[in-house]
């Protein structure tokens, strides 16, 4: 994990990190894994990987959230009646703080979860 400070100017090899996560033992065992890339009071960035068919059960967004797909395709759904929003590298998604949602990977997938300040 990287602590974000005023002088920070950093980069990450996302393709390599995604490959590492998608072949990791936790992903093979549980269908999901994640790595926190940046952590500060104002910003958290988490690289999340899901195996095809894996899902994240209903949970609340911990702050304002931006989801940026890196590989594969994931479907996000909020509420009981909404249609899922598929993210595949051509689309990103923003969610408000506290929005309850689910996530399902349609294929082996990875996305950046960018979380703003918690309310």
C-alpha atoms as a PDB file:
ATOM      1  CA  UNK A   1       0.000   0.000   0.000  1.00  0.00           C
ATOM      2  CA  UNK A   2       1.183   3.481  -0.839  1.00  0.00           C
ATOM      3  CA  UNK A   3       0.606   6.460   1.442  1.00  0.00           C
ATOM      4  CA  UNK A   4      -0.447   9.472  -0.592  1.00  0.00           C
ATOM      5  CA  UNK A   5       1.323  12.711   0.300  1.00  0.00           C
ATOM      6  CA  UNK A   6       1.730  16.203  -1.162  1.00  0.00           C
ATOM      7  CA  UNK A   7       4.871  15.211  -3.089  1.00  0.00           C
ATOM      8  CA  UNK A   8       3.485  11.951  -4.479  1.00  0.00           C
ATOM      9  CA  UNK A   9       4.008  11.274  -8.166  1.00  0.00           C
ATOM     10  CA  UNK A  10       3.714   7.499  -8.654  1.00  0.00           C
ATOM     11  CA  UNK A  11       2.765   4.942 -11.263  1.00  0.00           C
ATOM     12  CA  UNK A  12       1.740   1.293 -11.209  1.00  0.00           C
ATOM     13  CA  UNK A  13       2.135  -1.464 -13.819  1.00  0.00           C
ATOM     14  CA  UNK A  14      -1.594  -2.263 -13.905  1.00  0.00           C
ATOM     15  CA  UNK A  15      -1.382  -5.090 -16.452  1.00  0.00           C
ATOM     16  CA  UNK A  16       1.231  -6.885 -14.338  1.00  0.00           C
ATOM     17  CA  UNK A  17      -0.725  -6.342 -11.126  1.00  0.00           C
ATOM     18  CA  UNK A  18      -3.918  -7.631 -12.742  1.00  0.00           C
ATOM     19  CA  UNK A  19      -2.101 -10.733 -14.029  1.00  0.00           C
ATOM     20  CA  UNK A  20      -0.742 -11.325 -10.534  1.00  0.00           C
ATOM     21  CA  UNK A  21      -4.147 -10.967  -8.885  1.00  0.00           C
ATOM     22  CA  UNK A  22      -5.964 -13.117 -11.459  1.00  0.00           C
ATOM     23  CA  UNK A  23      -3.514 -15.984 -10.893  1.00  0.00           C
ATOM     24  CA  UNK A  24      -3.282 -15.584  -7.108  1.00  0.00           C
ATOM     25  CA  UNK A  25      -4.215 -18.284  -4.619  1.00  0.00           C
ATOM     26  CA  UNK A  26      -6.898 -16.143  -2.891  1.00  0.00           C
ATOM     27  CA  UNK A  27      -8.676 -15.569  -6.216  1.00  0.00           C
ATOM     28  CA  UNK A  28      -8.515 -19.264  -7.086  1.00  0.00           C
ATOM     29  CA  UNK A  29      -9.829 -20.214  -3.634  1.00  0.00           C
ATOM     30  CA  UNK A  30     -12.433 -17.483  -3.027  1.00  0.00           C
ATOM     31  CA  UNK A  31     -13.152 -16.058  -6.479  1.00  0.00           C
ATOM     32  CA  UNK A  32     -12.056 -12.555  -5.477  1.00  0.00           C
ATOM     33  CA  UNK A  33      -9.052 -10.627  -4.246  1.00  0.00           C
ATOM     34  CA  UNK A  34      -7.919  -7.019  -4.001  1.00  0.00           C
ATOM     35  CA  UNK A  35      -4.877  -4.856  -3.391  1.00  0.00           C
ATOM     36  CA  UNK A  36      -4.951  -1.343  -1.960  1.00  0.00           C
ATOM     37  CA  UNK A  37      -2.723   0.843  -4.124  1.00  0.00           C
ATOM     38  CA  UNK A  38      -3.247   4.226  -2.447  1.00  0.00           C
ATOM     39  CA  UNK A  39      -4.558   5.151   0.977  1.00  0.00           C
ATOM     40  CA  UNK A  40      -5.118   8.591   2.473  1.00  0.00           C
ATOM     41  CA  UNK A  41      -7.865  10.456   4.315  1.00  0.00           C
ATOM     42  CA  UNK A  42      -9.112  11.922   1.040  1.00  0.00           C
ATOM     43  CA  UNK A  43      -8.537   9.065  -1.420  1.00  0.00           C
ATOM     44  CA  UNK A  44      -8.350   5.283  -1.482  1.00  0.00           C
ATOM     45  CA  UNK A  45      -7.605   3.312  -4.651  1.00  0.00           C
ATOM     46  CA  UNK A  46      -8.149  -0.447  -4.658  1.00  0.00           C
ATOM     47  CA  UNK A  47      -7.422  -2.826  -7.538  1.00  0.00           C
ATOM     48  CA  UNK A  48     -10.055  -5.563  -7.302  1.00  0.00           C
ATOM     49  CA  UNK A  49     -10.067  -8.849  -9.248  1.00  0.00           C
ATOM     50  CA  UNK A  50     -12.955 -11.288  -9.632  1.00  0.00           C
ATOM     51  CA  UNK A  51     -13.002 -14.711 -11.272  1.00  0.00           C
ATOM     52  CA  UNK A  52     -15.675 -15.300 -13.937  1.00  0.00           C
ATOM     53  CA  UNK A  53     -19.031 -15.811 -12.219  1.00  0.00           C
ATOM     54  CA  UNK A  54     -17.828 -14.535  -8.837  1.00  0.00           C
ATOM     55  CA  UNK A  55     -19.850 -11.865  -7.108  1.00  0.00           C
ATOM     56  CA  UNK A  56     -19.713  -9.402  -4.270  1.00  0.00           C
ATOM     57  CA  UNK A  57     -22.890  -9.613  -2.220  1.00  0.00           C
ATOM     58  CA  UNK A  58     -24.919  -6.499  -1.473  1.00  0.00           C
ATOM     59  CA  UNK A  59     -22.866  -3.875   0.343  1.00  0.00           C
ATOM     60  CA  UNK A  60     -22.820  -0.101   0.752  1.00  0.00           C
ATOM     61  CA  UNK A  61     -20.386   2.248  -0.968  1.00  0.00           C
ATOM     62  CA  UNK A  62     -18.039   3.470   1.807  1.00  0.00           C
ATOM     63  CA  UNK A  63     -17.822   6.956   0.275  1.00  0.00           C
ATOM     64  CA  UNK A  64     -18.310   8.481  -3.150  1.00  0.00           C
ATOM     65  CA  UNK A  65     -16.965   5.865  -5.548  1.00  0.00           C
ATOM     66  CA  UNK A  66     -15.679   5.730  -9.111  1.00  0.00           C
ATOM     67  CA  UNK A  67     -15.269   2.311 -10.737  1.00  0.00           C
ATOM     68  CA  UNK A  68     -12.861   2.062 -13.681  1.00  0.00           C
ATOM     69  CA  UNK A  69     -12.637  -1.327 -15.396  1.00  0.00           C
ATOM     70  CA  UNK A  70      -9.138  -2.502 -16.274  1.00  0.00           C
ATOM     71  CA  UNK A  71      -9.839  -5.954 -17.738  1.00  0.00           C
ATOM     72  CA  UNK A  72     -12.848  -8.143 -18.417  1.00  0.00           C
ATOM     73  CA  UNK A  73     -16.478  -7.246 -17.765  1.00  0.00           C
ATOM     74  CA  UNK A  74     -18.299  -6.699 -14.479  1.00  0.00           C
ATOM     75  CA  UNK A  75     -21.945  -5.919 -13.845  1.00  0.00           C
ATOM     76  CA  UNK A  76     -23.006  -3.534 -11.063  1.00  0.00           C
ATOM     77  CA  UNK A  77     -26.575  -3.423  -9.831  1.00  0.00           C
ATOM     78  CA  UNK A  78     -28.181  -1.250  -7.161  1.00  0.00           C
ATOM     79  CA  UNK A  79     -31.586  -1.654  -5.604  1.00  0.00           C
ATOM     80  CA  UNK A  80     -33.982  -4.529  -6.180  1.00  0.00           C
ATOM     81  CA  UNK A  81     -35.421  -3.400  -9.488  1.00  0.00           C
ATOM     82  CA  UNK A  82     -32.568  -1.808 -11.399  1.00  0.00           C
ATOM     83  CA  UNK A  83     -30.995  -3.377 -14.455  1.00  0.00           C
ATOM     84  CA  UNK A  84     -27.271  -4.139 -14.126  1.00  0.00           C
ATOM     85  CA  UNK A  85     -24.745  -1.723 -15.602  1.00  0.00           C
ATOM     86  CA  UNK A  86     -22.030  -3.627 -17.489  1.00  0.00           C
ATOM     87  CA  UNK A  87     -18.530  -2.159 -17.366  1.00  0.00           C
ATOM     88  CA  UNK A  88     -16.005  -3.428 -19.889  1.00  0.00           C
ATOM     89  CA  UNK A  89     -13.270  -0.845 -20.356  1.00  0.00           C
ATOM     90  CA  UNK A  90     -15.398   1.468 -22.490  1.00  0.00           C
ATOM     91  CA  UNK A  91     -17.554   2.632 -19.568  1.00  0.00           C
ATOM     92  CA  UNK A  92     -16.939   3.742 -15.991  1.00  0.00           C
ATOM     93  CA  UNK A  93     -19.378   4.133 -13.112  1.00  0.00           C
ATOM     94  CA  UNK A  94     -19.832   6.659 -10.304  1.00  0.00           C
ATOM     95  CA  UNK A  95     -21.804   5.892  -7.138  1.00  0.00           C
ATOM     96  CA  UNK A  96     -22.825   8.060  -4.239  1.00  0.00           C
ATOM     97  CA  UNK A  97     -21.852   7.408  -0.640  1.00  0.00           C
ATOM     98  CA  UNK A  98     -23.923   4.672   0.984  1.00  0.00           C
ATOM     99  CA  UNK A  99     -25.450   3.332  -2.236  1.00  0.00           C
ATOM    100  CA  UNK A 100     -26.215  -0.373  -1.745  1.00  0.00           C
ATOM    101  CA  UNK A 101     -25.088  -2.494  -4.699  1.00  0.00           C
ATOM    102  CA  UNK A 102     -23.913  -5.889  -5.915  1.00  0.00           C
ATOM    103  CA  UNK A 103     -21.146  -6.809  -8.357  1.00  0.00           C
ATOM    104  CA  UNK A 104     -20.749  -9.847 -10.613  1.00  0.00           C
ATOM    105  CA  UNK A 105     -17.908 -10.731 -12.977  1.00  0.00           C
ATOM    106  CA  UNK A 106     -19.052 -12.002 -16.344  1.00  0.00           C
ATOM    107  CA  UNK A 107     -15.494 -13.077 -17.222  1.00  0.00           C
ATOM    108  CA  UNK A 108     -12.218 -12.943 -15.280  1.00  0.00           C
ATOM    109  CA  UNK A 109     -12.090  -9.233 -14.490  1.00  0.00           C
ATOM    110  CA  UNK A 110     -10.309  -6.442 -12.666  1.00  0.00           C
ATOM    111  CA  UNK A 111     -11.313  -2.880 -11.870  1.00  0.00           C
ATOM    112  CA  UNK A 112     -10.012   0.127 -10.018  1.00  0.00           C
ATOM    113  CA  UNK A 113     -12.213   1.207  -7.138  1.00  0.00           C
ATOM    114  CA  UNK A 114     -11.539   4.868  -6.391  1.00  0.00           C
ATOM    115  CA  UNK A 115     -13.081   5.949  -3.090  1.00  0.00           C
ATOM    116  CA  UNK A 116     -13.352   9.581  -2.021  1.00  0.00           C
ATOM    117  CA  UNK A 117     -13.534  10.890   1.534  1.00  0.00           C
ATOM    118  CA  UNK A 118     -15.881   9.021   3.803  1.00  0.00           C
ATOM    119  CA  UNK A 119     -18.778  11.073   5.115  1.00  0.00           C
END
